[in-house]
């Protein structure tokens, strides 16, 4: 069992930046990749970015490539999401995910989820 807690959300103007953090605790021996999803009101959850602990390989949604950077600290089992050039369409609740492999996290399969942190981007 893995527990995840996100932090760093808030209100920012378009063009600004935020950095989200997510720390994993509990039975983290089975956590080999972590990532981020987001969900806006009335919309489905969508994948944002993820990173694997073994080789630091990353994956990004097309909508955030070039603007967001995912990184992590494997010793701390903590993943970060640096969000730059934020747009109003980035407004959503951002959820942290953890799983056994990068591909599984990207797919939202077989992992754990955090409670989410709100990111609001004003125009």
C-alpha atoms as a PDB file:
ATOM      1  CA  UNK A   1       0.000   0.000   0.000  1.00  0.00           C
ATOM      2  CA  UNK A   2       1.363   3.411  -1.035  1.00  0.00           C
ATOM      3  CA  UNK A   3       0.133   6.770   0.180  1.00  0.00           C
ATOM      4  CA  UNK A   4       0.598   9.863  -1.981  1.00  0.00           C
ATOM      5  CA  UNK A   5       0.219  13.516  -0.992  1.00  0.00           C
ATOM      6  CA  UNK A   6       0.399  16.399  -3.459  1.00  0.00           C
ATOM      7  CA  UNK A   7       1.333  19.976  -2.643  1.00  0.00           C
ATOM      8  CA  UNK A   8       2.162  23.212  -4.423  1.00  0.00           C
ATOM      9  CA  UNK A   9      -1.099  24.037  -6.126  1.00  0.00           C
ATOM     10  CA  UNK A  10      -2.555  27.509  -6.127  1.00  0.00           C
ATOM     11  CA  UNK A  11      -3.685  30.476  -8.166  1.00  0.00           C
ATOM     12  CA  UNK A  12      -1.402  31.945 -10.798  1.00  0.00           C
ATOM     13  CA  UNK A  13      -1.805  34.300 -13.742  1.00  0.00           C
ATOM     14  CA  UNK A  14      -1.396  33.094 -17.301  1.00  0.00           C
ATOM     15  CA  UNK A  15       2.263  32.915 -18.230  1.00  0.00           C
ATOM     16  CA  UNK A  16       3.321  32.222 -14.673  1.00  0.00           C
ATOM     17  CA  UNK A  17       4.835  29.142 -13.071  1.00  0.00           C
ATOM     18  CA  UNK A  18       4.112  26.687 -10.293  1.00  0.00           C
ATOM     19  CA  UNK A  19       5.931  23.643  -8.973  1.00  0.00           C
ATOM     20  CA  UNK A  20       3.969  20.694  -7.683  1.00  0.00           C
ATOM     21  CA  UNK A  21       5.396  18.049  -5.377  1.00  0.00           C
ATOM     22  CA  UNK A  22       4.205  14.587  -4.444  1.00  0.00           C
ATOM     23  CA  UNK A  23       5.746  12.409  -1.763  1.00  0.00           C
ATOM     24  CA  UNK A  24       5.132   8.670  -1.539  1.00  0.00           C
ATOM     25  CA  UNK A  25       5.088   6.800   1.733  1.00  0.00           C
ATOM     26  CA  UNK A  26       4.179   3.349   2.985  1.00  0.00           C
ATOM     27  CA  UNK A  27       5.052   0.263   0.915  1.00  0.00           C
ATOM     28  CA  UNK A  28       7.097   2.179  -1.640  1.00  0.00           C
ATOM     29  CA  UNK A  29       9.307  -0.804  -2.544  1.00  0.00           C
ATOM     30  CA  UNK A  30       6.818  -1.529  -5.311  1.00  0.00           C
ATOM     31  CA  UNK A  31       6.892   2.043  -6.637  1.00  0.00           C
ATOM     32  CA  UNK A  32       9.168   2.303  -9.665  1.00  0.00           C
ATOM     33  CA  UNK A  33       7.501   5.161 -11.496  1.00  0.00           C
ATOM     34  CA  UNK A  34       5.468   8.199 -10.564  1.00  0.00           C
ATOM     35  CA  UNK A  35       3.566  10.787 -12.511  1.00  0.00           C
ATOM     36  CA  UNK A  36       0.802  13.322 -12.800  1.00  0.00           C
ATOM     37  CA  UNK A  37      -2.736  13.423 -14.109  1.00  0.00           C
ATOM     38  CA  UNK A  38      -5.230  16.259 -14.112  1.00  0.00           C
ATOM     39  CA  UNK A  39      -8.966  16.660 -14.303  1.00  0.00           C
ATOM     40  CA  UNK A  40     -10.925  19.809 -15.046  1.00  0.00           C
ATOM     41  CA  UNK A  41     -14.607  20.196 -14.088  1.00  0.00           C
ATOM     42  CA  UNK A  42     -16.825  18.288 -16.491  1.00  0.00           C
ATOM     43  CA  UNK A  43     -13.871  16.662 -18.243  1.00  0.00           C
ATOM     44  CA  UNK A  44     -12.203  13.280 -18.059  1.00  0.00           C
ATOM     45  CA  UNK A  45      -8.944  12.701 -16.264  1.00  0.00           C
ATOM     46  CA  UNK A  46      -5.953  13.125 -18.562  1.00  0.00           C
ATOM     47  CA  UNK A  47      -2.330  12.121 -18.336  1.00  0.00           C
ATOM     48  CA  UNK A  48       0.180  14.947 -17.876  1.00  0.00           C
ATOM     49  CA  UNK A  49       3.680  13.592 -17.219  1.00  0.00           C
ATOM     50  CA  UNK A  50       5.540  10.711 -15.574  1.00  0.00           C
ATOM     51  CA  UNK A  51       9.048   9.565 -14.686  1.00  0.00           C
ATOM     52  CA  UNK A  52      10.644   6.185 -13.997  1.00  0.00           C
ATOM     53  CA  UNK A  53      13.021   5.785 -11.072  1.00  0.00           C
ATOM     54  CA  UNK A  54      15.330   3.291 -12.770  1.00  0.00           C
ATOM     55  CA  UNK A  55      16.544   5.448 -15.658  1.00  0.00           C
ATOM     56  CA  UNK A  56      14.813   8.839 -15.260  1.00  0.00           C
ATOM     57  CA  UNK A  57      12.966   8.256 -18.495  1.00  0.00           C
ATOM     58  CA  UNK A  58      10.045  10.658 -18.832  1.00  0.00           C
ATOM     59  CA  UNK A  59       6.830  10.911 -20.764  1.00  0.00           C
ATOM     60  CA  UNK A  60       4.656  13.954 -21.421  1.00  0.00           C
ATOM     61  CA  UNK A  61       1.272  14.719 -22.838  1.00  0.00           C
ATOM     62  CA  UNK A  62       1.468  16.695 -26.066  1.00  0.00           C
ATOM     63  CA  UNK A  63      -0.417  19.562 -24.450  1.00  0.00           C
ATOM     64  CA  UNK A  64       2.370  20.231 -21.937  1.00  0.00           C
ATOM     65  CA  UNK A  65       5.538  19.343 -23.863  1.00  0.00           C
ATOM     66  CA  UNK A  66       8.021  22.193 -23.782  1.00  0.00           C
ATOM     67  CA  UNK A  67       6.246  23.867 -20.869  1.00  0.00           C
ATOM     68  CA  UNK A  68       6.216  21.316 -18.044  1.00  0.00           C
ATOM     69  CA  UNK A  69       9.142  19.355 -16.625  1.00  0.00           C
ATOM     70  CA  UNK A  70       8.739  16.263 -14.480  1.00  0.00           C
ATOM     71  CA  UNK A  71      11.563  15.235 -12.171  1.00  0.00           C
ATOM     72  CA  UNK A  72      12.017  13.159  -9.078  1.00  0.00           C
ATOM     73  CA  UNK A  73      14.109  12.083  -6.137  1.00  0.00           C
ATOM     74  CA  UNK A  74      14.117   8.297  -5.930  1.00  0.00           C
ATOM     75  CA  UNK A  75      15.592   8.262  -2.424  1.00  0.00           C
ATOM     76  CA  UNK A  76      12.774  10.447  -1.145  1.00  0.00           C
ATOM     77  CA  UNK A  77      10.209   8.813  -3.447  1.00  0.00           C
ATOM     78  CA  UNK A  78       9.120  12.280  -4.437  1.00  0.00           C
ATOM     79  CA  UNK A  79       8.050  13.501  -7.854  1.00  0.00           C
ATOM     80  CA  UNK A  80       7.885  17.121  -8.983  1.00  0.00           C
ATOM     81  CA  UNK A  81       6.106  18.905 -11.781  1.00  0.00           C
ATOM     82  CA  UNK A  82       7.554  22.249 -12.811  1.00  0.00           C
ATOM     83  CA  UNK A  83       4.846  24.055 -14.749  1.00  0.00           C
ATOM     84  CA  UNK A  84       5.910  27.029 -16.847  1.00  0.00           C
ATOM     85  CA  UNK A  85       4.058  29.292 -19.264  1.00  0.00           C
ATOM     86  CA  UNK A  86       0.794  28.298 -17.657  1.00  0.00           C
ATOM     87  CA  UNK A  87      -2.408  28.737 -19.610  1.00  0.00           C
ATOM     88  CA  UNK A  88      -6.025  28.970 -18.425  1.00  0.00           C
ATOM     89  CA  UNK A  89      -6.642  25.549 -19.973  1.00  0.00           C
ATOM     90  CA  UNK A  90      -4.138  24.099 -17.493  1.00  0.00           C
ATOM     91  CA  UNK A  91      -6.650  24.795 -14.725  1.00  0.00           C
ATOM     92  CA  UNK A  92      -7.524  21.486 -13.095  1.00  0.00           C
ATOM     93  CA  UNK A  93      -7.087  19.313 -10.068  1.00  0.00           C
ATOM     94  CA  UNK A  94      -3.697  17.658 -10.408  1.00  0.00           C
ATOM     95  CA  UNK A  95      -3.310  14.123  -9.100  1.00  0.00           C
ATOM     96  CA  UNK A  96      -0.157  12.220  -8.312  1.00  0.00           C
ATOM     97  CA  UNK A  97       0.126   8.579  -9.381  1.00  0.00           C
ATOM     98  CA  UNK A  98       2.572   5.779  -8.586  1.00  0.00           C
ATOM     99  CA  UNK A  99       3.019   2.327 -10.062  1.00  0.00           C
ATOM    100  CA  UNK A 100       5.290  -0.537 -11.046  1.00  0.00           C
ATOM    101  CA  UNK A 101       6.402   0.797 -14.416  1.00  0.00           C
ATOM    102  CA  UNK A 102       6.380   4.005 -16.420  1.00  0.00           C
ATOM    103  CA  UNK A 103       3.990   2.614 -19.013  1.00  0.00           C
ATOM    104  CA  UNK A 104       1.608   1.519 -16.292  1.00  0.00           C
ATOM    105  CA  UNK A 105       1.615   4.969 -14.681  1.00  0.00           C
ATOM    106  CA  UNK A 106       1.063   6.668 -18.036  1.00  0.00           C
ATOM    107  CA  UNK A 107      -1.910   4.385 -18.614  1.00  0.00           C
ATOM    108  CA  UNK A 108      -3.212   4.904 -15.084  1.00  0.00           C
ATOM    109  CA  UNK A 109      -3.051   1.157 -14.468  1.00  0.00           C
ATOM    110  CA  UNK A 110      -2.396  -0.713 -11.247  1.00  0.00           C
ATOM    111  CA  UNK A 111      -1.181   2.190  -9.178  1.00  0.00           C
ATOM    112  CA  UNK A 112      -1.984   4.477  -6.283  1.00  0.00           C
ATOM    113  CA  UNK A 113      -3.435   7.980  -6.362  1.00  0.00           C
ATOM    114  CA  UNK A 114      -3.134  11.066  -4.232  1.00  0.00           C
ATOM    115  CA  UNK A 115      -6.067  13.264  -3.204  1.00  0.00           C
ATOM    116  CA  UNK A 116      -5.157  16.015  -5.677  1.00  0.00           C
ATOM    117  CA  UNK A 117      -4.149  19.660  -5.552  1.00  0.00           C
ATOM    118  CA  UNK A 118      -5.979  22.507  -7.293  1.00  0.00           C
ATOM    119  CA  UNK A 119      -4.190  24.576  -9.917  1.00  0.00           C
ATOM    120  CA  UNK A 120      -6.035  27.632 -11.186  1.00  0.00           C
ATOM    121  CA  UNK A 121      -4.649  29.794 -13.979  1.00  0.00           C
ATOM    122  CA  UNK A 122      -6.323  33.139 -14.546  1.00  0.00           C
ATOM    123  CA  UNK A 123      -6.314  34.937 -17.869  1.00  0.00           C
END
